[in-house]
Each structure stands twice: as structure tokens, then as C-alpha cells.
N, C-alpha and C. Protein backbone atom coordinates (compact mmCIF):
# COMPACT_ATOMS: atom_id res chain seq x y z
N MET A 1 -4.42 26.71 -30.95
CA MET A 1 -3.98 26.28 -32.25
C MET A 1 -4.80 25.10 -32.75
N LYS A 2 -5.17 24.20 -31.81
CA LYS A 2 -5.97 23.07 -32.16
C LYS A 2 -7.30 23.49 -32.77
N ILE A 3 -7.89 24.54 -32.21
CA ILE A 3 -9.15 24.98 -32.73
C ILE A 3 -8.97 25.47 -34.14
N PHE A 4 -7.96 26.21 -34.47
CA PHE A 4 -7.72 26.72 -35.77
C PHE A 4 -7.55 25.60 -36.73
N LYS A 5 -6.80 24.59 -36.41
CA LYS A 5 -6.62 23.45 -37.27
C LYS A 5 -7.90 22.76 -37.53
N THR A 6 -8.74 22.49 -36.46
CA THR A 6 -9.99 21.85 -36.63
C THR A 6 -10.89 22.68 -37.57
N LEU A 7 -10.87 24.00 -37.39
CA LEU A 7 -11.70 24.85 -38.29
C LEU A 7 -11.20 24.79 -39.73
N ALA A 8 -9.89 24.69 -39.91
CA ALA A 8 -9.35 24.56 -41.22
C ALA A 8 -9.77 23.29 -41.90
N VAL A 9 -9.81 22.21 -41.14
CA VAL A 9 -10.28 20.92 -41.74
C VAL A 9 -11.77 21.01 -42.03
N ALA A 10 -12.54 21.66 -41.18
CA ALA A 10 -14.03 21.88 -41.53
C ALA A 10 -14.18 22.76 -42.69
N ALA A 11 -13.38 23.79 -42.85
CA ALA A 11 -13.47 24.64 -44.05
C ALA A 11 -13.12 23.91 -45.31
N VAL A 12 -12.07 23.06 -45.21
CA VAL A 12 -11.65 22.26 -46.45
C VAL A 12 -12.77 21.32 -46.80
N ALA A 13 -13.44 20.68 -45.79
CA ALA A 13 -14.53 19.76 -46.02
C ALA A 13 -15.73 20.48 -46.68
N LEU A 14 -16.04 21.67 -46.18
CA LEU A 14 -17.15 22.48 -46.72
C LEU A 14 -16.84 22.90 -48.12
N MET A 15 -15.60 23.32 -48.46
CA MET A 15 -15.23 23.71 -49.79
C MET A 15 -15.32 22.51 -50.73
N GLY A 16 -14.96 21.31 -50.21
CA GLY A 16 -15.08 20.11 -51.04
C GLY A 16 -16.56 19.84 -51.40
N VAL A 17 -17.47 20.00 -50.44
CA VAL A 17 -18.87 19.81 -50.69
C VAL A 17 -19.35 20.78 -51.66
N THR A 18 -18.87 22.03 -51.58
CA THR A 18 -19.28 23.16 -52.48
C THR A 18 -18.76 22.79 -53.90
N MET A 19 -17.54 22.38 -53.97
CA MET A 19 -16.98 21.94 -55.26
C MET A 19 -17.71 20.83 -55.88
N ILE A 20 -18.14 19.87 -55.10
CA ILE A 20 -18.86 18.69 -55.61
C ILE A 20 -20.16 19.22 -56.21
N GLY A 21 -20.83 20.10 -55.57
CA GLY A 21 -22.13 20.60 -55.97
C GLY A 21 -22.05 21.41 -57.29
N CYS A 22 -20.88 21.89 -57.61
CA CYS A 22 -20.72 22.82 -58.75
C CYS A 22 -20.09 22.16 -59.96
N GLY A 23 -19.46 21.00 -59.76
CA GLY A 23 -18.64 20.38 -60.84
C GLY A 23 -19.43 19.26 -61.53
N SER A 24 -18.78 18.62 -62.48
CA SER A 24 -19.31 17.53 -63.23
C SER A 24 -19.05 16.26 -62.33
N LYS A 25 -19.55 15.07 -62.78
CA LYS A 25 -19.32 13.79 -62.11
C LYS A 25 -17.84 13.52 -61.95
N LYS A 26 -17.14 13.76 -63.03
CA LYS A 26 -15.67 13.49 -63.04
C LYS A 26 -14.99 14.43 -61.99
N ASP A 27 -15.43 15.69 -61.96
CA ASP A 27 -14.88 16.64 -61.03
C ASP A 27 -15.29 16.33 -59.63
N ASP A 28 -16.49 15.75 -59.43
CA ASP A 28 -16.94 15.39 -58.15
C ASP A 28 -16.07 14.37 -57.45
N ASN A 29 -15.67 13.35 -58.12
CA ASN A 29 -14.75 12.33 -57.60
C ASN A 29 -13.40 12.90 -57.28
N ALA A 30 -12.85 13.77 -58.13
CA ALA A 30 -11.56 14.39 -57.82
C ALA A 30 -11.68 15.27 -56.62
N ALA A 31 -12.81 16.03 -56.51
CA ALA A 31 -12.95 16.93 -55.36
C ALA A 31 -13.09 16.13 -54.08
N LYS A 32 -13.81 14.99 -54.17
CA LYS A 32 -13.93 14.19 -52.90
C LYS A 32 -12.58 13.65 -52.50
N GLU A 33 -11.75 13.16 -53.46
CA GLU A 33 -10.44 12.66 -53.14
C GLU A 33 -9.56 13.79 -52.53
N GLU A 34 -9.59 15.00 -53.12
CA GLU A 34 -8.79 16.13 -52.63
C GLU A 34 -9.24 16.46 -51.20
N THR A 35 -10.52 16.39 -50.96
CA THR A 35 -11.05 16.72 -49.61
C THR A 35 -10.58 15.72 -48.57
N VAL A 36 -10.65 14.43 -49.01
CA VAL A 36 -10.23 13.37 -48.05
C VAL A 36 -8.70 13.50 -47.80
N ASP A 37 -7.92 13.79 -48.82
CA ASP A 37 -6.50 13.92 -48.66
C ASP A 37 -6.18 15.12 -47.76
N ALA A 38 -6.93 16.25 -47.93
CA ALA A 38 -6.69 17.42 -47.06
C ALA A 38 -7.02 17.17 -45.69
N GLU A 39 -8.09 16.41 -45.48
CA GLU A 39 -8.50 16.11 -44.10
C GLU A 39 -7.43 15.29 -43.43
N GLU A 40 -6.96 14.21 -44.11
CA GLU A 40 -5.92 13.34 -43.55
C GLU A 40 -4.68 14.15 -43.27
N GLU A 41 -4.21 15.00 -44.16
CA GLU A 41 -3.02 15.82 -43.93
C GLU A 41 -3.20 16.76 -42.68
N GLU A 42 -4.36 17.35 -42.51
CA GLU A 42 -4.55 18.20 -41.36
C GLU A 42 -4.56 17.44 -40.06
N THR A 43 -5.16 16.23 -40.11
CA THR A 43 -5.28 15.41 -38.93
C THR A 43 -3.87 15.01 -38.46
N VAL A 44 -2.95 14.67 -39.44
CA VAL A 44 -1.60 14.29 -39.08
C VAL A 44 -0.91 15.55 -38.46
N ASP A 45 -1.09 16.70 -39.03
CA ASP A 45 -0.45 17.94 -38.47
C ASP A 45 -0.90 18.17 -37.05
N VAL A 46 -2.18 18.01 -36.75
CA VAL A 46 -2.71 18.20 -35.35
C VAL A 46 -2.07 17.26 -34.42
N GLU A 47 -1.95 15.95 -34.84
CA GLU A 47 -1.37 14.96 -33.94
C GLU A 47 0.10 15.30 -33.71
N GLU A 48 0.82 15.71 -34.75
CA GLU A 48 2.26 16.03 -34.57
C GLU A 48 2.34 17.25 -33.67
N GLU A 49 1.47 18.21 -33.80
CA GLU A 49 1.53 19.43 -32.91
C GLU A 49 1.24 19.05 -31.49
N ASP A 50 0.28 18.15 -31.26
CA ASP A 50 0.05 17.74 -29.90
C ASP A 50 1.27 17.15 -29.24
N GLU A 51 2.06 16.34 -29.98
CA GLU A 51 3.24 15.73 -29.43
C GLU A 51 4.31 16.80 -29.05
N ASN A 52 4.36 17.85 -29.84
CA ASN A 52 5.27 18.94 -29.60
C ASN A 52 4.75 20.05 -28.73
N ALA A 53 3.55 19.92 -28.27
CA ALA A 53 2.89 21.05 -27.44
C ALA A 53 3.74 21.22 -26.23
N ALA A 54 3.63 22.46 -25.74
CA ALA A 54 4.29 22.84 -24.44
C ALA A 54 3.74 22.02 -23.31
N LYS A 55 4.61 21.61 -22.48
CA LYS A 55 4.23 20.80 -21.31
C LYS A 55 4.53 21.59 -20.04
N VAL A 56 3.68 21.31 -19.07
CA VAL A 56 3.86 21.98 -17.78
C VAL A 56 5.15 21.59 -17.10
N ALA A 57 5.95 22.55 -16.62
CA ALA A 57 7.21 22.34 -15.96
C ALA A 57 7.13 22.82 -14.50
N THR A 58 6.34 23.89 -14.33
CA THR A 58 6.22 24.52 -13.00
C THR A 58 4.75 24.90 -12.71
N ILE A 59 4.36 24.71 -11.51
CA ILE A 59 3.04 25.20 -11.09
C ILE A 59 3.18 26.06 -9.85
N ILE A 60 2.69 27.28 -9.99
CA ILE A 60 2.77 28.23 -8.87
C ILE A 60 1.42 28.42 -8.26
N ASP A 61 1.34 28.30 -6.92
CA ASP A 61 0.13 28.63 -6.19
C ASP A 61 0.39 29.92 -5.44
N PHE A 62 -0.36 30.99 -5.89
CA PHE A 62 -0.37 32.28 -5.30
C PHE A 62 -1.38 32.29 -4.20
N ASN A 63 -0.96 32.63 -2.92
CA ASN A 63 -1.84 32.45 -1.74
C ASN A 63 -1.48 33.53 -0.75
N ALA A 64 -2.17 33.46 0.34
CA ALA A 64 -1.85 34.33 1.54
C ALA A 64 -2.30 33.62 2.84
N THR A 65 -1.63 33.85 3.92
CA THR A 65 -1.98 33.16 5.22
C THR A 65 -3.41 33.49 5.65
N TRP A 66 -3.88 34.65 5.37
CA TRP A 66 -5.21 35.07 5.79
C TRP A 66 -6.40 34.66 4.92
N CYS A 67 -6.07 33.96 3.84
CA CYS A 67 -7.01 33.51 2.86
C CYS A 67 -7.59 32.12 3.14
N GLY A 68 -8.90 32.04 3.46
CA GLY A 68 -9.52 30.82 3.77
C GLY A 68 -9.48 29.75 2.66
N PRO A 69 -9.89 30.14 1.41
CA PRO A 69 -9.83 29.16 0.32
C PRO A 69 -8.43 28.70 0.02
N CYS A 70 -7.43 29.61 0.24
CA CYS A 70 -5.98 29.21 0.10
C CYS A 70 -5.62 28.12 1.09
N LYS A 71 -6.07 28.23 2.32
CA LYS A 71 -5.74 27.23 3.30
C LYS A 71 -6.41 25.90 2.97
N GLU A 72 -7.61 25.93 2.40
CA GLU A 72 -8.31 24.69 1.94
C GLU A 72 -7.56 24.07 0.76
N PHE A 73 -6.98 24.90 -0.12
CA PHE A 73 -6.36 24.39 -1.30
C PHE A 73 -4.96 23.85 -1.03
N ALA A 74 -4.30 24.31 0.06
CA ALA A 74 -2.95 23.90 0.34
C ALA A 74 -2.75 22.41 0.39
N PRO A 75 -3.51 21.58 1.06
CA PRO A 75 -3.29 20.16 1.05
C PRO A 75 -3.49 19.54 -0.27
N ILE A 76 -4.39 20.07 -1.11
CA ILE A 76 -4.61 19.58 -2.46
C ILE A 76 -3.37 19.86 -3.34
N PHE A 77 -2.84 20.98 -3.18
CA PHE A 77 -1.60 21.41 -3.91
C PHE A 77 -0.40 20.49 -3.46
N GLU A 78 -0.29 20.25 -2.13
CA GLU A 78 0.71 19.39 -1.65
C GLU A 78 0.56 17.94 -2.22
N ALA A 79 -0.63 17.42 -2.19
CA ALA A 79 -0.87 16.03 -2.69
C ALA A 79 -0.49 15.94 -4.18
N ALA A 80 -0.85 16.96 -4.95
CA ALA A 80 -0.50 17.01 -6.39
C ALA A 80 0.98 17.04 -6.61
N SER A 81 1.71 17.67 -5.74
CA SER A 81 3.16 17.79 -5.84
C SER A 81 3.75 16.40 -5.70
N GLU A 82 3.15 15.61 -4.83
CA GLU A 82 3.69 14.24 -4.63
C GLU A 82 3.23 13.34 -5.80
N LYS A 83 2.07 13.53 -6.38
CA LYS A 83 1.57 12.75 -7.50
C LYS A 83 2.34 13.03 -8.77
N TYR A 84 2.78 14.26 -8.97
CA TYR A 84 3.49 14.66 -10.20
C TYR A 84 4.90 15.13 -9.91
N PRO A 85 5.81 14.15 -9.67
CA PRO A 85 7.18 14.50 -9.20
C PRO A 85 8.03 15.13 -10.27
N ASN A 86 7.65 15.03 -11.52
CA ASN A 86 8.40 15.63 -12.60
C ASN A 86 8.05 17.14 -12.86
N VAL A 87 7.03 17.63 -12.06
CA VAL A 87 6.69 19.07 -12.23
C VAL A 87 7.05 19.71 -10.91
N GLU A 88 7.62 20.93 -11.03
CA GLU A 88 8.07 21.71 -9.92
C GLU A 88 6.83 22.51 -9.34
N PHE A 89 6.65 22.39 -8.10
CA PHE A 89 5.42 23.08 -7.38
C PHE A 89 6.07 24.14 -6.50
N GLN A 90 5.51 25.37 -6.68
CA GLN A 90 5.94 26.50 -5.86
C GLN A 90 4.76 27.14 -5.21
N SER A 91 4.80 27.38 -3.93
CA SER A 91 3.77 28.09 -3.20
C SER A 91 4.34 29.48 -2.85
N VAL A 92 3.54 30.54 -3.29
CA VAL A 92 4.06 31.86 -3.16
C VAL A 92 3.03 32.73 -2.40
N ASP A 93 3.48 33.24 -1.22
CA ASP A 93 2.65 34.06 -0.44
C ASP A 93 2.70 35.52 -1.02
N ILE A 94 1.57 36.05 -1.47
CA ILE A 94 1.61 37.31 -2.13
C ILE A 94 2.06 38.45 -1.16
N ASP A 95 1.88 38.29 0.08
CA ASP A 95 2.29 39.36 1.06
C ASP A 95 3.83 39.36 1.17
N GLN A 96 4.43 38.22 1.04
CA GLN A 96 5.89 38.10 1.11
C GLN A 96 6.60 38.51 -0.17
N TYR A 97 5.91 38.23 -1.31
CA TYR A 97 6.52 38.39 -2.60
C TYR A 97 5.56 39.19 -3.54
N PRO A 98 5.27 40.40 -3.18
CA PRO A 98 4.30 41.19 -3.99
C PRO A 98 4.85 41.51 -5.41
N GLU A 99 6.13 41.55 -5.60
CA GLU A 99 6.63 41.76 -6.94
C GLU A 99 6.33 40.64 -7.93
N LEU A 100 6.46 39.44 -7.31
CA LEU A 100 6.17 38.26 -8.12
C LEU A 100 4.68 38.14 -8.44
N ALA A 101 3.88 38.49 -7.44
CA ALA A 101 2.46 38.46 -7.67
C ALA A 101 2.07 39.54 -8.72
N ALA A 102 2.69 40.68 -8.73
CA ALA A 102 2.45 41.72 -9.71
C ALA A 102 2.92 41.27 -11.09
N GLU A 103 4.05 40.59 -11.12
CA GLU A 103 4.57 40.05 -12.40
C GLU A 103 3.57 39.10 -13.11
N TYR A 104 2.85 38.37 -12.32
CA TYR A 104 1.86 37.35 -12.81
C TYR A 104 0.45 37.99 -12.77
N GLU A 105 0.33 39.23 -12.49
CA GLU A 105 -0.93 39.95 -12.47
C GLU A 105 -1.97 39.32 -11.59
N VAL A 106 -1.53 38.96 -10.36
CA VAL A 106 -2.46 38.32 -9.39
C VAL A 106 -3.34 39.38 -8.85
N GLU A 107 -4.65 39.24 -9.06
CA GLU A 107 -5.63 40.21 -8.50
C GLU A 107 -6.54 39.57 -7.46
N SER A 108 -6.58 38.21 -7.48
CA SER A 108 -7.45 37.44 -6.61
C SER A 108 -6.78 36.14 -6.27
N ILE A 109 -6.98 35.61 -5.08
CA ILE A 109 -6.36 34.37 -4.68
C ILE A 109 -7.35 33.44 -4.13
N PRO A 110 -7.11 32.12 -4.12
CA PRO A 110 -5.89 31.50 -4.65
C PRO A 110 -5.88 31.60 -6.22
N MET A 111 -4.69 31.70 -6.73
CA MET A 111 -4.47 31.70 -8.17
C MET A 111 -3.38 30.71 -8.45
N VAL A 112 -3.65 29.81 -9.40
CA VAL A 112 -2.64 28.86 -9.87
C VAL A 112 -2.27 29.19 -11.27
N VAL A 113 -0.93 29.16 -11.51
CA VAL A 113 -0.37 29.42 -12.77
C VAL A 113 0.44 28.19 -13.21
N LEU A 114 0.21 27.69 -14.42
CA LEU A 114 1.06 26.56 -15.01
C LEU A 114 1.98 27.21 -16.03
N LEU A 115 3.24 26.90 -15.87
CA LEU A 115 4.30 27.42 -16.73
C LEU A 115 4.95 26.27 -17.53
N ASP A 116 5.40 26.57 -18.71
CA ASP A 116 6.17 25.54 -19.46
C ASP A 116 7.67 25.66 -19.07
N GLU A 117 8.49 24.95 -19.80
CA GLU A 117 9.92 24.91 -19.44
C GLU A 117 10.60 26.30 -19.75
N ASN A 118 9.98 27.18 -20.51
CA ASN A 118 10.54 28.45 -20.78
C ASN A 118 9.91 29.54 -19.88
N ASN A 119 9.20 29.10 -18.85
CA ASN A 119 8.53 29.96 -17.93
C ASN A 119 7.39 30.80 -18.64
N GLU A 120 6.85 30.30 -19.73
CA GLU A 120 5.71 30.98 -20.44
C GLU A 120 4.47 30.37 -19.75
N VAL A 121 3.48 31.25 -19.55
CA VAL A 121 2.17 30.84 -18.96
C VAL A 121 1.40 29.97 -19.90
N LEU A 122 1.07 28.83 -19.44
CA LEU A 122 0.22 27.86 -20.27
C LEU A 122 -1.27 28.18 -19.91
N THR A 123 -1.58 28.35 -18.66
CA THR A 123 -2.90 28.58 -18.26
C THR A 123 -2.96 29.04 -16.77
N THR A 124 -4.03 29.61 -16.37
CA THR A 124 -4.21 30.08 -14.98
C THR A 124 -5.60 29.72 -14.51
N ASN A 125 -5.77 29.68 -13.20
CA ASN A 125 -7.04 29.50 -12.61
C ASN A 125 -7.13 30.33 -11.33
N VAL A 126 -8.16 31.11 -11.20
CA VAL A 126 -8.42 31.90 -10.07
C VAL A 126 -9.49 31.32 -9.24
N GLY A 127 -9.36 31.06 -7.95
CA GLY A 127 -10.36 30.55 -7.11
C GLY A 127 -10.05 29.07 -6.70
N PHE A 128 -10.81 28.68 -5.69
CA PHE A 128 -10.56 27.34 -5.12
C PHE A 128 -10.92 26.21 -6.16
N MET A 129 -10.08 25.22 -6.22
CA MET A 129 -10.38 24.01 -7.03
C MET A 129 -10.32 22.83 -6.12
N ASP A 130 -11.17 21.83 -6.32
CA ASP A 130 -11.07 20.62 -5.56
C ASP A 130 -9.97 19.78 -6.24
N ALA A 131 -9.63 18.65 -5.68
CA ALA A 131 -8.47 17.86 -6.20
C ALA A 131 -8.76 17.37 -7.66
N SER A 132 -9.92 16.94 -7.91
CA SER A 132 -10.19 16.41 -9.29
C SER A 132 -10.10 17.56 -10.32
N GLU A 133 -10.52 18.78 -9.98
CA GLU A 133 -10.44 19.89 -10.90
C GLU A 133 -8.94 20.27 -11.15
N PHE A 134 -8.22 20.31 -10.05
CA PHE A 134 -6.81 20.66 -10.18
C PHE A 134 -6.02 19.58 -10.92
N GLU A 135 -6.27 18.35 -10.72
CA GLU A 135 -5.60 17.24 -11.43
C GLU A 135 -5.98 17.33 -12.94
N SER A 136 -7.17 17.60 -13.19
CA SER A 136 -7.68 17.71 -14.61
C SER A 136 -6.98 18.80 -15.31
N MET A 137 -6.79 19.89 -14.60
CA MET A 137 -6.06 21.02 -15.17
C MET A 137 -4.63 20.72 -15.51
N ILE A 138 -3.96 19.99 -14.62
CA ILE A 138 -2.60 19.54 -14.79
C ILE A 138 -2.44 18.61 -15.97
N GLU A 139 -3.42 17.63 -15.96
CA GLU A 139 -3.33 16.55 -17.02
C GLU A 139 -3.42 17.08 -18.41
N GLN A 140 -4.10 18.20 -18.57
CA GLN A 140 -4.20 18.78 -19.94
C GLN A 140 -2.90 19.18 -20.44
N TYR A 141 -1.93 19.42 -19.59
CA TYR A 141 -0.57 19.93 -20.02
C TYR A 141 0.57 18.99 -19.77
N LEU A 142 0.27 17.73 -19.45
CA LEU A 142 1.38 16.74 -19.27
C LEU A 142 1.80 16.10 -20.58
């Protein structure tokens, strides 16, 4: 949604430039003011939307005992669970819970899924992440 808002602001700015090039001097000033007003309104909307954006509530790590990268990721996942106490962290062994893995369309592991408070998927990552990559992923949705 942010991308669409940004594109809308750019389109309004471009239309303003086009209007300026086609109008009289009096029209030019009005067009410039309208463009500035439109950009300010869009910027406010984007900021309000960011405040109301879905936030991560649950993080699921899909893994297996036989998976080497999963074993490497486990302590990183554990450390993050301690760093972010307001987020629920769940580790799911795909061999023990194949139905849950199928529900989230897990095809490769490790796979991390970030969910909002309505259990809607915010984002996923397949493959090993180091601690900074994982924390960066989480921070985007806090």
C-alpha cells in the first residue's frame, strides 16, 4: 500500500508539472499550489496508515530435527524470543505437524512466518537468516 501511495504522490506531482506547462502564468501558480496541497495530503495519509499498519503478533519457525540450517537458526530464534517479549514465538516441527505445515504451504525449511493479531500472514522467509537479518525482518513489523 505504501508503494501505491508513493506512486500516487508522484503521479500528482507529474500532473502538476504538465498542467504548469500547458496553462497561463495565473494557472501555473494555482497548479503549483494544488500540487503542493495534494502532496501534503498524501503524505499525511501515508503516515496515518503506517500508524495503523498491522503489527507482528506471532512468529512461527517451521523446522525439522534432521535439518542442519534449522539447527543453526534455533538459537537465533530463541534469542529473538527473549528480545521481543510482546511477540509470541512458536517453533513447529513439520514432521510432527504436517497439517500445519501444509496450511502455511511450507515447501522448504527453515521457513519463518510473521502473523498479525488476526493470524494473517504479514511476510515469510525461506532459508537460514543470521540474527541481524531476522531482527531486521521483525523490526519492519513492530
